């Protein structure tokens, strides 16, 4: 997992660059199941099938509730790359955080 080559000042800057680099699928965390949703919610994928390639943490400049992490994830087996954006701090999503923890870290 490498972050050394890229540095971003804002979440939107990171997302835009990662999309340009092929991380085009927007993964959402399912509210009730332990999976990611993509393809407008029609495809459910297990976090065990993915690796975290990169991640970037952002802290809100004026509002601590604006803290977030963007994960660039991929599944060589499925041939898919995309992004998971996870809030953290006082208002973090517990289910989202636990699901992201189950992602595999690329060695």
N, C-alpha and C. Protein backbone atom coordinates (compact mmCIF):
# COMPACT_ATOMS: atom_id res chain seq x y z
N UNK A 1 0.85 -1.17 0.00
CA UNK A 1 0.00 0.00 0.00
C UNK A 1 0.90 1.22 0.00
N UNK A 2 0.86 2.00 -1.06
CA UNK A 2 1.73 3.16 -1.21
C UNK A 2 0.94 4.44 -1.29
N UNK A 3 1.32 5.42 -0.50
CA UNK A 3 0.75 6.76 -0.58
C UNK A 3 1.83 7.76 -0.95
N UNK A 4 3.07 7.36 -0.99
CA UNK A 4 4.20 8.27 -1.08
C UNK A 4 4.23 9.12 -2.34
N UNK A 5 3.70 8.63 -3.43
CA UNK A 5 3.79 9.36 -4.69
C UNK A 5 2.75 10.45 -4.84
N UNK A 6 1.72 10.45 -4.03
CA UNK A 6 0.63 11.39 -4.20
C UNK A 6 0.32 12.09 -2.89
N UNK A 7 0.04 13.38 -2.99
CA UNK A 7 -0.39 14.16 -1.84
C UNK A 7 -1.51 15.07 -2.30
N UNK A 8 -2.57 15.13 -1.51
CA UNK A 8 -3.74 15.92 -1.87
C UNK A 8 -4.10 16.85 -0.73
N UNK A 9 -4.57 18.03 -1.08
CA UNK A 9 -5.01 19.00 -0.08
C UNK A 9 -6.47 18.81 0.30
N UNK A 10 -7.28 18.31 -0.63
CA UNK A 10 -8.70 18.16 -0.36
C UNK A 10 -9.19 16.78 -0.80
N UNK A 11 -10.31 16.38 -0.24
CA UNK A 11 -10.93 15.12 -0.60
C UNK A 11 -11.31 15.12 -2.08
N UNK A 12 -11.88 16.20 -2.56
CA UNK A 12 -12.30 16.24 -3.97
C UNK A 12 -11.11 16.14 -4.92
N UNK A 13 -9.99 16.73 -4.54
CA UNK A 13 -8.77 16.63 -5.36
C UNK A 13 -8.31 15.16 -5.44
N UNK A 14 -8.33 14.47 -4.31
CA UNK A 14 -7.93 13.06 -4.27
C UNK A 14 -8.88 12.21 -5.11
N UNK A 15 -10.18 12.40 -4.93
CA UNK A 15 -11.17 11.61 -5.66
C UNK A 15 -11.01 11.83 -7.16
N UNK A 16 -10.88 13.07 -7.59
CA UNK A 16 -10.74 13.36 -9.02
C UNK A 16 -9.50 12.70 -9.62
N UNK A 17 -8.37 12.75 -8.90
CA UNK A 17 -7.15 12.14 -9.41
C UNK A 17 -7.25 10.61 -9.42
N UNK A 18 -7.80 10.03 -8.37
CA UNK A 18 -7.95 8.58 -8.32
C UNK A 18 -8.87 8.08 -9.44
N UNK A 19 -9.90 8.83 -9.75
CA UNK A 19 -10.78 8.46 -10.87
C UNK A 19 -9.99 8.48 -12.17
N UNK A 20 -9.16 9.51 -12.36
CA UNK A 20 -8.33 9.58 -13.56
C UNK A 20 -7.37 8.39 -13.64
N UNK A 21 -6.98 7.86 -12.49
CA UNK A 21 -6.06 6.72 -12.45
C UNK A 21 -6.78 5.38 -12.47
N UNK A 22 -8.08 5.38 -12.75
CA UNK A 22 -8.80 4.14 -12.97
C UNK A 22 -9.70 3.65 -11.86
N UNK A 23 -9.76 4.36 -10.75
CA UNK A 23 -10.63 3.97 -9.63
C UNK A 23 -12.01 4.58 -9.86
N UNK A 24 -12.76 3.99 -10.78
CA UNK A 24 -13.98 4.61 -11.28
C UNK A 24 -15.27 4.13 -10.63
N UNK A 25 -15.24 3.01 -9.94
CA UNK A 25 -16.45 2.49 -9.32
C UNK A 25 -16.65 3.14 -7.95
N UNK A 26 -17.85 3.60 -7.70
CA UNK A 26 -18.19 4.20 -6.42
C UNK A 26 -18.82 3.12 -5.56
N UNK A 27 -18.09 2.65 -4.56
CA UNK A 27 -18.59 1.60 -3.67
C UNK A 27 -19.32 2.23 -2.50
N UNK A 28 -20.49 1.72 -2.20
CA UNK A 28 -21.26 2.15 -1.05
C UNK A 28 -21.32 1.02 -0.05
N UNK A 29 -21.40 1.35 1.22
CA UNK A 29 -21.52 0.34 2.27
C UNK A 29 -23.00 0.04 2.45
N UNK A 30 -23.36 -1.24 2.38
CA UNK A 30 -24.75 -1.65 2.56
C UNK A 30 -25.16 -1.38 4.00
N UNK A 31 -26.37 -0.87 4.19
CA UNK A 31 -26.85 -0.52 5.53
C UNK A 31 -27.05 -1.73 6.43
N UNK A 32 -27.46 -2.87 5.86
CA UNK A 32 -27.81 -4.02 6.69
C UNK A 32 -26.94 -5.25 6.47
N UNK A 33 -26.27 -5.33 5.33
CA UNK A 33 -25.45 -6.49 5.03
C UNK A 33 -23.98 -6.12 5.12
N UNK A 34 -23.15 -7.14 5.22
CA UNK A 34 -21.70 -6.95 5.30
C UNK A 34 -21.10 -7.00 3.90
N UNK A 35 -21.42 -5.98 3.08
CA UNK A 35 -20.92 -5.99 1.71
C UNK A 35 -20.87 -4.57 1.17
N UNK A 36 -20.21 -4.45 0.02
CA UNK A 36 -20.20 -3.19 -0.72
C UNK A 36 -21.22 -3.29 -1.85
N UNK A 37 -21.83 -2.18 -2.16
CA UNK A 37 -22.76 -2.10 -3.29
C UNK A 37 -22.12 -1.28 -4.39
N UNK A 38 -22.34 -1.69 -5.62
CA UNK A 38 -21.94 -0.89 -6.76
C UNK A 38 -22.94 -1.11 -7.89
N UNK A 39 -22.72 -0.48 -9.02
CA UNK A 39 -23.64 -0.59 -10.16
C UNK A 39 -25.04 -0.16 -9.74
N UNK A 40 -25.13 1.00 -9.12
CA UNK A 40 -26.41 1.55 -8.64
C UNK A 40 -27.12 0.60 -7.68
N UNK A 41 -26.34 -0.10 -6.87
CA UNK A 41 -26.90 -0.97 -5.85
C UNK A 41 -27.33 -2.34 -6.33
N UNK A 42 -27.03 -2.71 -7.57
CA UNK A 42 -27.47 -4.00 -8.09
C UNK A 42 -26.46 -5.11 -7.89
N UNK A 43 -25.23 -4.76 -7.50
CA UNK A 43 -24.17 -5.76 -7.33
C UNK A 43 -23.63 -5.67 -5.91
N UNK A 44 -23.66 -6.79 -5.18
CA UNK A 44 -23.14 -6.86 -3.82
C UNK A 44 -21.81 -7.61 -3.83
N UNK A 45 -20.78 -7.00 -3.25
CA UNK A 45 -19.43 -7.59 -3.26
C UNK A 45 -18.89 -7.70 -1.85
N UNK A 46 -18.20 -8.78 -1.57
CA UNK A 46 -17.61 -9.03 -0.26
C UNK A 46 -16.31 -8.24 -0.10
N UNK A 47 -16.06 -7.68 1.07
CA UNK A 47 -14.80 -6.96 1.28
C UNK A 47 -13.57 -7.86 1.21
N UNK A 48 -13.72 -9.17 1.41
CA UNK A 48 -12.58 -10.08 1.34
C UNK A 48 -12.03 -10.21 -0.08
N UNK A 49 -12.76 -9.75 -1.07
CA UNK A 49 -12.32 -9.85 -2.45
C UNK A 49 -11.48 -8.64 -2.88
N UNK A 50 -11.27 -7.69 -1.96
CA UNK A 50 -10.62 -6.44 -2.32
C UNK A 50 -9.35 -6.19 -1.53
N UNK A 51 -8.47 -5.40 -2.12
CA UNK A 51 -7.26 -4.92 -1.47
C UNK A 51 -7.33 -3.41 -1.37
N UNK A 52 -6.76 -2.87 -0.30
CA UNK A 52 -6.58 -1.42 -0.19
C UNK A 52 -5.28 -1.10 -0.91
N UNK A 53 -5.35 -0.35 -1.99
CA UNK A 53 -4.16 0.05 -2.73
C UNK A 53 -3.55 1.33 -2.16
N UNK A 54 -4.40 2.28 -1.81
CA UNK A 54 -3.97 3.56 -1.26
C UNK A 54 -5.07 4.08 -0.36
N UNK A 55 -4.71 4.97 0.56
CA UNK A 55 -5.74 5.67 1.32
C UNK A 55 -5.21 7.04 1.71
N UNK A 56 -6.15 7.98 1.89
CA UNK A 56 -5.81 9.35 2.22
C UNK A 56 -6.80 9.86 3.25
N UNK A 57 -6.27 10.49 4.29
CA UNK A 57 -7.08 11.01 5.38
C UNK A 57 -7.18 12.53 5.26
N UNK A 58 -8.38 13.05 5.49
CA UNK A 58 -8.61 14.49 5.42
C UNK A 58 -9.33 14.95 6.68
N UNK A 59 -8.86 16.06 7.21
CA UNK A 59 -9.49 16.64 8.39
C UNK A 59 -10.17 17.94 7.98
N UNK A 60 -11.40 18.13 8.47
CA UNK A 60 -12.13 19.35 8.17
C UNK A 60 -11.42 20.56 8.75
N UNK A 61 -11.29 21.61 7.96
CA UNK A 61 -10.57 22.80 8.42
C UNK A 61 -11.37 23.57 9.48
N UNK A 62 -12.69 23.60 9.34
CA UNK A 62 -13.50 24.36 10.29
C UNK A 62 -14.46 23.49 11.08
N UNK A 63 -14.82 22.34 10.53
CA UNK A 63 -15.81 21.48 11.17
C UNK A 63 -15.23 20.08 11.35
N UNK A 64 -15.03 19.64 12.60
CA UNK A 64 -14.50 18.30 12.83
C UNK A 64 -15.37 17.20 12.23
N UNK A 65 -16.65 17.47 11.97
CA UNK A 65 -17.54 16.50 11.35
C UNK A 65 -17.22 16.25 9.89
N UNK A 66 -16.31 17.05 9.31
CA UNK A 66 -15.94 16.90 7.91
C UNK A 66 -14.74 15.97 7.71
N UNK A 67 -14.36 15.23 8.74
CA UNK A 67 -13.20 14.35 8.63
C UNK A 67 -13.58 13.08 7.86
N UNK A 68 -12.69 12.67 6.95
CA UNK A 68 -12.98 11.49 6.15
C UNK A 68 -11.70 10.83 5.66
N UNK A 69 -11.86 9.60 5.20
CA UNK A 69 -10.77 8.84 4.58
C UNK A 69 -11.29 8.32 3.25
N UNK A 70 -10.48 8.45 2.22
CA UNK A 70 -10.83 7.85 0.94
C UNK A 70 -9.90 6.67 0.72
N UNK A 71 -10.49 5.51 0.43
CA UNK A 71 -9.75 4.29 0.16
C UNK A 71 -9.84 3.98 -1.33
N UNK A 72 -8.70 3.78 -1.97
CA UNK A 72 -8.65 3.29 -3.35
C UNK A 72 -8.49 1.78 -3.24
N UNK A 73 -9.51 1.03 -3.68
CA UNK A 73 -9.50 -0.42 -3.53
C UNK A 73 -9.60 -1.09 -4.89
N UNK A 74 -9.12 -2.33 -4.94
CA UNK A 74 -9.19 -3.07 -6.20
C UNK A 74 -9.35 -4.55 -5.92
N UNK A 75 -9.89 -5.23 -6.92
CA UNK A 75 -10.02 -6.69 -6.88
C UNK A 75 -9.48 -7.23 -8.19
N UNK A 76 -8.23 -7.74 -8.19
CA UNK A 76 -7.70 -8.33 -9.42
C UNK A 76 -8.57 -9.48 -9.92
N UNK A 77 -9.14 -10.24 -9.00
CA UNK A 77 -9.99 -11.38 -9.35
C UNK A 77 -11.22 -10.92 -10.14
N UNK A 78 -11.82 -9.82 -9.71
CA UNK A 78 -13.04 -9.32 -10.35
C UNK A 78 -12.75 -8.29 -11.44
N UNK A 79 -11.51 -7.80 -11.48
CA UNK A 79 -11.14 -6.80 -12.47
C UNK A 79 -11.84 -5.47 -12.27
N UNK A 80 -11.94 -5.04 -11.01
CA UNK A 80 -12.67 -3.81 -10.71
C UNK A 80 -11.86 -2.95 -9.73
N UNK A 81 -11.89 -1.64 -9.94
CA UNK A 81 -11.20 -0.70 -9.06
C UNK A 81 -12.17 0.43 -8.73
N UNK A 82 -12.11 0.90 -7.49
CA UNK A 82 -13.02 1.98 -7.12
C UNK A 82 -12.67 2.60 -5.80
N UNK A 83 -13.59 3.40 -5.30
CA UNK A 83 -13.36 4.20 -4.10
C UNK A 83 -14.40 3.91 -3.03
N UNK A 84 -13.95 3.93 -1.79
CA UNK A 84 -14.82 3.91 -0.62
C UNK A 84 -14.46 5.14 0.18
N UNK A 85 -15.44 5.96 0.46
CA UNK A 85 -15.21 7.15 1.28
C UNK A 85 -15.86 6.90 2.62
N UNK A 86 -15.07 7.02 3.68
CA UNK A 86 -15.51 6.68 5.03
C UNK A 86 -15.32 7.87 5.94
N UNK A 87 -16.37 8.28 6.61
CA UNK A 87 -16.26 9.36 7.60
C UNK A 87 -15.66 8.81 8.88
N UNK A 88 -14.97 9.65 9.61
CA UNK A 88 -14.47 9.26 10.93
C UNK A 88 -14.58 10.45 11.85
N UNK A 89 -14.30 10.23 13.11
CA UNK A 89 -14.43 11.30 14.10
C UNK A 89 -15.68 11.07 14.92
N UNK A 90 -16.26 12.15 15.42
CA UNK A 90 -17.39 12.06 16.34
C UNK A 90 -18.61 11.42 15.70
N UNK A 91 -18.83 11.62 14.42
CA UNK A 91 -20.04 11.13 13.76
C UNK A 91 -19.77 10.00 12.79
N UNK A 92 -18.71 9.20 13.01
CA UNK A 92 -18.36 8.16 12.04
C UNK A 92 -19.43 7.08 11.98
N UNK A 93 -19.51 6.43 10.83
CA UNK A 93 -20.46 5.33 10.64
C UNK A 93 -19.84 4.03 11.12
N UNK A 94 -20.38 3.44 12.18
CA UNK A 94 -19.81 2.24 12.77
C UNK A 94 -19.76 1.09 11.77
N UNK A 95 -20.87 0.81 11.08
CA UNK A 95 -20.91 -0.30 10.12
C UNK A 95 -19.89 -0.08 9.01
N UNK A 96 -19.83 1.13 8.49
CA UNK A 96 -18.88 1.45 7.43
C UNK A 96 -17.46 1.23 7.90
N UNK A 97 -17.14 1.67 9.09
CA UNK A 97 -15.80 1.52 9.63
C UNK A 97 -15.42 0.05 9.79
N UNK A 98 -16.32 -0.76 10.32
CA UNK A 98 -16.05 -2.19 10.52
C UNK A 98 -15.87 -2.90 9.19
N UNK A 99 -16.65 -2.55 8.19
CA UNK A 99 -16.55 -3.18 6.88
C UNK A 99 -15.22 -2.85 6.22
N UNK A 100 -14.80 -1.60 6.34
CA UNK A 100 -13.52 -1.19 5.76
C UNK A 100 -12.37 -1.93 6.45
N UNK A 101 -12.48 -2.18 7.75
CA UNK A 101 -11.44 -2.91 8.47
C UNK A 101 -11.24 -4.32 7.90
N UNK A 102 -12.26 -4.88 7.28
CA UNK A 102 -12.18 -6.24 6.74
C UNK A 102 -11.51 -6.29 5.38
N UNK A 103 -11.25 -5.13 4.78
CA UNK A 103 -10.52 -5.12 3.51
C UNK A 103 -9.11 -5.63 3.73
N UNK A 104 -8.55 -6.27 2.75
CA UNK A 104 -7.19 -6.76 2.84
C UNK A 104 -6.21 -5.66 2.49
N UNK A 105 -5.12 -5.60 3.19
CA UNK A 105 -4.08 -4.62 2.88
C UNK A 105 -3.09 -5.24 1.92
N UNK A 106 -2.82 -4.54 0.86
CA UNK A 106 -1.89 -5.04 -0.16
C UNK A 106 -0.48 -4.96 0.41
N UNK A 107 0.25 -6.04 0.29
CA UNK A 107 1.64 -6.08 0.77
C UNK A 107 2.58 -5.53 -0.28
